[in-house]
Protein backbone atom coordinates (compact mmCIF):
# COMPACT_ATOMS: atom_id res chain seq x y z
CA UNK A 1 -7.24 -51.63 -31.90
CA UNK A 2 -9.48 -50.67 -34.76
CA UNK A 3 -12.77 -50.83 -33.78
CA UNK A 4 -14.25 -47.56 -35.07
CA UNK A 5 -14.35 -45.89 -31.54
CA UNK A 6 -12.32 -43.31 -30.06
CA UNK A 7 -10.15 -44.44 -26.88
CA UNK A 8 -8.24 -42.58 -24.39
CA UNK A 9 -5.16 -45.19 -24.25
CA UNK A 10 -4.69 -48.34 -25.86
CA UNK A 11 -2.20 -51.11 -24.75
CA UNK A 12 -0.76 -54.33 -25.77
CA UNK A 13 0.47 -56.94 -23.05
CA UNK A 14 1.73 -60.25 -22.66
CA UNK A 15 1.03 -62.42 -19.59
CA UNK A 16 3.19 -65.04 -18.20
CA UNK A 17 2.41 -68.01 -16.40
CA UNK A 18 5.47 -67.60 -13.72
CA UNK A 19 7.61 -64.51 -13.07
CA UNK A 20 10.62 -63.71 -15.24
CA UNK A 21 13.64 -61.31 -15.35
CA UNK A 22 14.31 -58.59 -18.00
CA UNK A 23 16.02 -55.23 -18.47
CA UNK A 24 15.27 -54.75 -22.27
CA UNK A 25 11.87 -54.16 -23.66
CA UNK A 26 11.03 -54.04 -27.52
CA UNK A 27 7.70 -52.82 -29.03
CA UNK A 28 7.42 -53.66 -32.53
CA UNK A 29 5.00 -51.50 -34.80
CA UNK A 30 2.29 -52.65 -36.70
CA UNK A 31 0.55 -51.28 -39.81
CA UNK A 32 0.11 -47.81 -39.85
CA UNK A 33 -2.47 -46.16 -42.27
CA UNK A 34 -4.05 -42.31 -43.07
CA UNK A 35 -6.51 -43.22 -40.40
CA UNK A 36 -4.24 -44.12 -37.69
CA UNK A 37 -2.21 -47.08 -36.32
CA UNK A 38 0.51 -45.21 -34.12
CA UNK A 39 0.66 -43.62 -30.65
CA UNK A 40 0.07 -39.71 -30.24
CA UNK A 41 2.75 -38.65 -28.13
CA UNK A 42 1.96 -35.04 -27.40
CA UNK A 43 1.38 -35.96 -23.72
CA UNK A 44 4.12 -38.50 -23.41
CA UNK A 45 5.64 -41.13 -25.19
CA UNK A 46 4.31 -44.68 -25.09
CA UNK A 47 4.79 -46.44 -21.51
CA UNK A 48 6.29 -49.67 -20.63
CA UNK A 49 4.95 -51.24 -17.75
CA UNK A 50 5.03 -54.46 -15.72
CA UNK A 51 2.79 -56.15 -13.12
CA UNK A 52 5.10 -57.79 -10.59
CA UNK A 53 2.44 -60.51 -9.22
CA UNK A 54 -0.51 -61.56 -10.66
CA UNK A 55 -3.39 -58.91 -10.49
CA UNK A 56 -0.89 -56.37 -9.00
CA UNK A 57 -1.01 -52.70 -10.22
CA UNK A 58 0.77 -51.56 -13.21
CA UNK A 59 4.39 -50.27 -12.41
CA UNK A 60 5.74 -47.64 -15.08
CA UNK A 61 9.75 -48.87 -15.85
CA UNK A 62 9.95 -45.76 -18.42
CA UNK A 63 9.10 -44.61 -22.00
CA UNK A 64 9.90 -45.86 -25.31
CA UNK A 65 12.15 -42.70 -25.70
CA UNK A 66 12.99 -43.35 -29.47
CA UNK A 67 9.44 -43.53 -30.32
CA UNK A 68 9.07 -40.51 -32.72
CA UNK A 69 7.13 -37.36 -31.87
CA UNK A 70 3.51 -37.55 -33.21
CA UNK A 71 0.12 -35.99 -32.70
CA UNK A 72 -3.29 -37.50 -33.22
CA UNK A 73 -3.36 -36.72 -36.91
CA UNK A 74 0.10 -36.16 -37.93
CA UNK A 75 2.44 -38.89 -37.93
CA UNK A 76 5.40 -36.98 -38.55
CA UNK A 77 7.45 -39.62 -40.66
CA UNK A 78 5.74 -42.44 -39.31
CA UNK A 79 4.35 -43.17 -42.93
CA UNK A 80 7.78 -44.22 -43.64
CA UNK A 81 7.92 -46.63 -41.30
CA UNK A 82 8.64 -50.02 -42.04
CA UNK A 83 5.88 -52.21 -40.67
CA UNK A 84 8.42 -53.90 -38.37
CA UNK A 85 10.10 -50.54 -36.96
CA UNK A 86 11.23 -51.29 -33.25
CA UNK A 87 11.22 -49.31 -30.28
CA UNK A 88 13.28 -49.94 -27.07
CA UNK A 89 13.31 -49.27 -23.43
CA UNK A 90 16.33 -50.36 -21.50
CA UNK A 91 16.62 -50.13 -17.70
CA UNK A 92 19.77 -50.30 -15.65
CA UNK A 93 18.88 -53.56 -13.52
CA UNK A 94 16.66 -56.50 -14.34
CA UNK A 95 12.86 -56.60 -13.09
CA UNK A 96 10.93 -59.39 -12.41
CA UNK A 97 7.33 -59.40 -13.70
CA UNK A 98 4.46 -61.68 -14.46
CA UNK A 99 2.77 -59.40 -17.23
CA UNK A 100 4.29 -56.75 -19.42
CA UNK A 101 2.68 -54.03 -21.56
CA UNK A 102 3.46 -50.96 -23.62
CA UNK A 103 0.41 -48.44 -23.12
CA UNK A 104 0.02 -44.97 -25.08
CA UNK A 105 -2.60 -42.49 -26.60
CA UNK A 106 -3.94 -43.98 -30.06
CA UNK A 107 -3.83 -41.80 -33.09
CA UNK A 108 -6.91 -40.78 -35.14
CA UNK A 109 -5.42 -39.82 -38.71
CA UNK A 110 -7.96 -38.37 -40.91
CA UNK A 111 -10.93 -39.94 -39.09
CA UNK A 112 -11.27 -37.92 -35.83
CA UNK A 113 -14.51 -40.17 -34.74
CA UNK A 114 -11.97 -43.08 -34.05
CA UNK A 115 -8.76 -43.92 -32.93
CA UNK A 116 -6.43 -46.91 -33.02
CA UNK A 117 -2.73 -47.91 -32.58
CA UNK A 118 -0.95 -50.99 -33.90
CA UNK A 119 1.30 -53.56 -32.30
CA UNK A 120 3.39 -56.66 -34.10
CA UNK A 121 5.39 -57.75 -31.28
CA UNK A 122 6.30 -57.17 -27.72
CA UNK A 123 9.40 -58.55 -26.43
CA UNK A 124 11.36 -58.80 -23.41
CA UNK A 125 15.04 -59.76 -22.70
CA UNK A 126 17.29 -60.45 -19.90
CA UNK A 127 20.31 -58.59 -21.42
C-alpha cells in the first residue's frame, strides 16, 4: 500500500465465488522498511474480518493477538522479522464467509507524510 499518502487504515482481502468455512486465519507479513510496512498497534492489533455474503457488512472475528506491539514510527523488533512472519487467529468454531480481510492502521516509519503496511499472503483453514 505504499502510495506516498497517509492512510487511517490499510486492509488486505480475499473474495471467493462461493461460501467456505474456516476457523484458523493466517496473515503472512510482507516487506518491512525504515519508512513503514507494518501495522501500528497503539489503537489495537490488526483485525480479521469476514463478509458472510456478498456486499454484507464486515464482521470482526478477532485480532492477530500474536502481532507485536508497535507504533507508527517504532517497529519494536519488526526489523528482525523474516519477510514471511506469520500471525494467526483461531476461533472456537468454523465460520462461513465469502470474503476475508485483515485490517489495521499502517505505519509511517521515518516518513510521517505517508504510511503503509505490507502483506505477502492471507490464508484461511478449516482446522
